[in-house]
Amino acid sequence: MIAEVIVDIVNDQVDKVFDYIALSSTVVGQRVSVPFGKRIIEGYVLRLKEKSELSESLLKSIIGPKDDYPVLSYEFLELNDKMRQ
């Protein structure tokens, strides 16, 4: 399973989602730790999907959840999608 994650970085060049290999426990709306370059940063899972456009050999895995529950609600994520459109 692939997770679309938005990373918590203030930079106009990084205003997009990145694909990561999801853990079996990963859920939409969850706050997670992910490798990003040489750092480990915080991100938010926006979607789960079966495949990535990138080869799985190029994808990194989510390191782990930051919380035991989703911090972003389904309604918030739905509103976010509508606003981005």
N, C-alpha and C. Protein backbone atom coordinates (compact mmCIF):
# COMPACT_ATOMS: atom_id res chain seq x y z
N MET A 1 0.86 -1.17 0.00
CA MET A 1 0.00 0.00 0.00
C MET A 1 0.91 1.24 0.00
N ILE A 2 0.48 2.25 -0.70
CA ILE A 2 1.22 3.50 -0.82
C ILE A 2 0.45 4.61 -0.11
N ALA A 3 1.17 5.44 0.63
CA ALA A 3 0.58 6.58 1.33
C ALA A 3 1.01 7.86 0.64
N GLU A 4 0.05 8.73 0.35
CA GLU A 4 0.36 10.08 -0.12
C GLU A 4 0.51 10.95 1.11
N VAL A 5 1.71 11.51 1.28
CA VAL A 5 2.04 12.27 2.49
C VAL A 5 2.42 13.69 2.11
N ILE A 6 1.85 14.65 2.83
CA ILE A 6 2.29 16.04 2.68
C ILE A 6 3.24 16.31 3.85
N VAL A 7 4.41 16.83 3.52
CA VAL A 7 5.43 17.03 4.55
C VAL A 7 5.30 18.41 5.17
N ASP A 8 5.73 18.51 6.40
CA ASP A 8 5.60 19.75 7.17
C ASP A 8 6.87 20.59 7.00
N ILE A 9 6.98 21.22 5.81
CA ILE A 9 8.12 22.09 5.51
C ILE A 9 7.55 23.38 4.91
N VAL A 10 8.06 24.51 5.36
CA VAL A 10 7.63 25.80 4.82
C VAL A 10 8.54 26.13 3.64
N ASN A 11 8.06 25.78 2.44
CA ASN A 11 8.83 26.04 1.23
C ASN A 11 7.88 25.90 0.05
N ASP A 12 7.83 26.89 -0.81
CA ASP A 12 6.93 26.84 -1.97
C ASP A 12 7.27 25.69 -2.92
N GLN A 13 8.53 25.27 -2.94
CA GLN A 13 8.95 24.19 -3.83
C GLN A 13 8.45 22.82 -3.37
N VAL A 14 7.97 22.72 -2.15
CA VAL A 14 7.58 21.44 -1.57
C VAL A 14 6.08 21.39 -1.28
N ASP A 15 5.30 22.19 -1.98
CA ASP A 15 3.86 22.22 -1.76
C ASP A 15 3.18 21.15 -2.61
N LYS A 16 3.51 19.89 -2.32
CA LYS A 16 2.92 18.76 -3.04
C LYS A 16 2.98 17.53 -2.15
N VAL A 17 2.32 16.48 -2.59
CA VAL A 17 2.35 15.25 -1.82
C VAL A 17 3.47 14.35 -2.35
N PHE A 18 3.96 13.50 -1.46
CA PHE A 18 5.01 12.55 -1.80
C PHE A 18 4.51 11.15 -1.46
N ASP A 19 4.88 10.19 -2.29
CA ASP A 19 4.49 8.81 -2.06
C ASP A 19 5.51 8.11 -1.17
N TYR A 20 5.00 7.39 -0.18
CA TYR A 20 5.81 6.58 0.72
C TYR A 20 5.18 5.20 0.84
N ILE A 21 5.97 4.21 1.11
CA ILE A 21 5.44 2.88 1.37
C ILE A 21 4.81 2.91 2.76
N ALA A 22 3.54 2.56 2.81
CA ALA A 22 2.78 2.63 4.07
C ALA A 22 3.07 1.42 4.94
N LEU A 23 2.96 1.62 6.24
CA LEU A 23 2.99 0.51 7.19
C LEU A 23 1.61 -0.13 7.19
N SER A 24 1.52 -1.35 7.68
CA SER A 24 0.20 -2.02 7.71
C SER A 24 -0.78 -1.27 8.62
N SER A 25 -0.26 -0.50 9.57
CA SER A 25 -1.11 0.23 10.51
C SER A 25 -1.41 1.67 10.08
N THR A 26 -0.90 2.09 8.93
CA THR A 26 -1.08 3.47 8.48
C THR A 26 -2.54 3.75 8.13
N VAL A 27 -3.06 4.89 8.60
CA VAL A 27 -4.42 5.29 8.28
C VAL A 27 -4.43 6.73 7.76
N VAL A 28 -5.44 7.05 6.97
CA VAL A 28 -5.60 8.40 6.43
C VAL A 28 -5.82 9.39 7.58
N GLY A 29 -5.15 10.53 7.50
CA GLY A 29 -5.28 11.56 8.53
C GLY A 29 -4.23 11.45 9.63
N GLN A 30 -3.41 10.42 9.56
CA GLN A 30 -2.42 10.17 10.61
C GLN A 30 -1.19 11.06 10.43
N ARG A 31 -0.61 11.47 11.53
CA ARG A 31 0.65 12.21 11.55
C ARG A 31 1.76 11.17 11.63
N VAL A 32 2.76 11.27 10.73
CA VAL A 32 3.81 10.25 10.65
C VAL A 32 5.19 10.88 10.55
N SER A 33 6.20 10.08 10.87
CA SER A 33 7.59 10.46 10.64
C SER A 33 8.03 9.83 9.33
N VAL A 34 8.68 10.63 8.47
CA VAL A 34 9.14 10.14 7.17
C VAL A 34 10.56 10.62 6.89
N PRO A 35 11.33 9.83 6.14
CA PRO A 35 12.63 10.32 5.71
C PRO A 35 12.43 11.32 4.57
N PHE A 36 13.17 12.42 4.63
CA PHE A 36 13.07 13.45 3.60
C PHE A 36 14.47 13.99 3.38
N GLY A 37 15.09 13.57 2.30
CA GLY A 37 16.49 13.90 2.10
C GLY A 37 17.31 13.21 3.18
N LYS A 38 18.13 13.98 3.87
CA LYS A 38 18.96 13.42 4.94
C LYS A 38 18.32 13.58 6.31
N ARG A 39 17.10 14.10 6.34
CA ARG A 39 16.43 14.37 7.62
C ARG A 39 15.23 13.45 7.81
N ILE A 40 14.75 13.40 9.02
CA ILE A 40 13.48 12.75 9.34
C ILE A 40 12.55 13.87 9.77
N ILE A 41 11.41 13.98 9.07
CA ILE A 41 10.48 15.07 9.34
C ILE A 41 9.08 14.52 9.56
N GLU A 42 8.19 15.43 9.92
CA GLU A 42 6.80 15.10 10.17
C GLU A 42 5.98 15.31 8.90
N GLY A 43 5.00 14.44 8.71
CA GLY A 43 4.10 14.58 7.57
C GLY A 43 2.71 14.09 7.96
N TYR A 44 1.77 14.26 7.03
CA TYR A 44 0.38 13.87 7.27
C TYR A 44 -0.09 13.00 6.10
N VAL A 45 -0.69 11.88 6.40
CA VAL A 45 -1.19 10.97 5.37
C VAL A 45 -2.51 11.52 4.84
N LEU A 46 -2.52 11.86 3.54
CA LEU A 46 -3.72 12.40 2.92
C LEU A 46 -4.56 11.34 2.23
N ARG A 47 -3.90 10.31 1.70
CA ARG A 47 -4.60 9.23 0.99
C ARG A 47 -3.78 7.96 1.05
N LEU A 48 -4.47 6.84 0.88
CA LEU A 48 -3.82 5.55 0.69
C LEU A 48 -4.25 5.03 -0.68
N LYS A 49 -3.32 4.43 -1.40
CA LYS A 49 -3.62 3.91 -2.73
C LYS A 49 -2.83 2.63 -2.97
N GLU A 50 -3.22 1.92 -4.00
CA GLU A 50 -2.59 0.64 -4.31
C GLU A 50 -1.22 0.80 -4.96
N LYS A 51 -1.08 1.77 -5.88
CA LYS A 51 0.15 1.92 -6.67
C LYS A 51 0.60 3.37 -6.71
N SER A 52 1.89 3.52 -6.97
CA SER A 52 2.48 4.84 -7.19
C SER A 52 2.87 4.95 -8.66
N GLU A 53 2.96 6.17 -9.14
CA GLU A 53 3.47 6.39 -10.50
C GLU A 53 4.96 6.10 -10.56
N LEU A 54 5.62 6.16 -9.41
CA LEU A 54 7.05 5.87 -9.32
C LEU A 54 7.26 4.38 -9.06
N SER A 55 8.41 3.89 -9.42
CA SER A 55 8.77 2.51 -9.12
C SER A 55 8.92 2.36 -7.60
N GLU A 56 8.44 1.25 -7.06
CA GLU A 56 8.53 1.06 -5.60
C GLU A 56 9.97 1.04 -5.12
N SER A 57 10.91 0.73 -6.00
CA SER A 57 12.32 0.72 -5.61
C SER A 57 12.82 2.13 -5.31
N LEU A 58 12.12 3.15 -5.80
CA LEU A 58 12.50 4.55 -5.55
C LEU A 58 11.84 5.13 -4.31
N LEU A 59 10.84 4.42 -3.78
CA LEU A 59 10.08 4.95 -2.64
C LEU A 59 10.72 4.59 -1.31
N LYS A 60 10.60 5.48 -0.36
CA LYS A 60 11.04 5.22 1.00
C LYS A 60 9.82 4.85 1.83
N SER A 61 10.06 4.22 2.95
CA SER A 61 8.97 3.79 3.83
C SER A 61 8.71 4.82 4.91
N ILE A 62 7.46 4.89 5.33
CA ILE A 62 7.12 5.66 6.52
C ILE A 62 7.85 5.05 7.69
N ILE A 63 8.43 5.88 8.54
CA ILE A 63 9.17 5.37 9.70
C ILE A 63 8.21 4.90 10.78
N GLY A 64 7.19 5.71 11.05
CA GLY A 64 6.23 5.31 12.07
C GLY A 64 5.25 6.42 12.36
N PRO A 65 4.17 6.07 13.05
CA PRO A 65 3.17 7.08 13.41
C PRO A 65 3.65 7.96 14.57
N LYS A 66 3.18 9.20 14.60
CA LYS A 66 3.48 10.10 15.71
C LYS A 66 2.39 10.02 16.78
N ASP A 67 1.21 9.54 16.38
CA ASP A 67 0.06 9.44 17.28
C ASP A 67 -0.61 8.09 17.06
N ASP A 68 -1.45 7.67 18.00
CA ASP A 68 -2.18 6.42 17.88
C ASP A 68 -3.51 6.58 17.15
N TYR A 69 -3.79 7.76 16.66
CA TYR A 69 -5.09 8.07 16.06
C TYR A 69 -4.88 9.10 14.95
N PRO A 70 -5.82 9.20 14.00
CA PRO A 70 -5.71 10.23 12.96
C PRO A 70 -5.94 11.62 13.56
N VAL A 71 -5.11 12.57 13.19
CA VAL A 71 -5.26 13.94 13.69
C VAL A 71 -6.04 14.82 12.71
N LEU A 72 -6.19 14.36 11.47
CA LEU A 72 -6.97 15.08 10.47
C LEU A 72 -8.24 14.29 10.18
N SER A 73 -9.38 14.94 10.31
CA SER A 73 -10.66 14.26 10.10
C SER A 73 -10.95 14.10 8.61
N TYR A 74 -11.85 13.17 8.31
CA TYR A 74 -12.29 12.95 6.93
C TYR A 74 -12.87 14.24 6.35
N GLU A 75 -13.65 14.97 7.13
CA GLU A 75 -14.26 16.21 6.67
C GLU A 75 -13.21 17.26 6.33
N PHE A 76 -12.17 17.36 7.16
CA PHE A 76 -11.09 18.30 6.89
C PHE A 76 -10.38 17.94 5.60
N LEU A 77 -10.08 16.67 5.39
CA LEU A 77 -9.38 16.24 4.19
C LEU A 77 -10.24 16.47 2.94
N GLU A 78 -11.54 16.25 3.06
CA GLU A 78 -12.45 16.49 1.94
C GLU A 78 -12.50 17.98 1.60
N LEU A 79 -12.56 18.83 2.60
CA LEU A 79 -12.53 20.29 2.39
C LEU A 79 -11.22 20.71 1.76
N ASN A 80 -10.13 20.13 2.22
CA ASN A 80 -8.80 20.42 1.66
C ASN A 80 -8.76 20.12 0.17
N ASP A 81 -9.30 18.98 -0.24
CA ASP A 81 -9.35 18.62 -1.66
C ASP A 81 -10.14 19.63 -2.47
N LYS A 82 -11.28 20.04 -1.95
CA LYS A 82 -12.12 21.01 -2.67
C LYS A 82 -11.43 22.36 -2.79
N MET A 83 -10.72 22.76 -1.76
CA MET A 83 -10.03 24.05 -1.79
C MET A 83 -8.86 24.03 -2.78
N ARG A 84 -8.17 22.90 -2.86
CA ARG A 84 -7.04 22.80 -3.78
C ARG A 84 -7.49 22.83 -5.24
N GLN A 85 -8.72 22.33 -5.49
CA GLN A 85 -9.24 22.33 -6.86
C GLN A 85 -9.59 23.74 -7.26
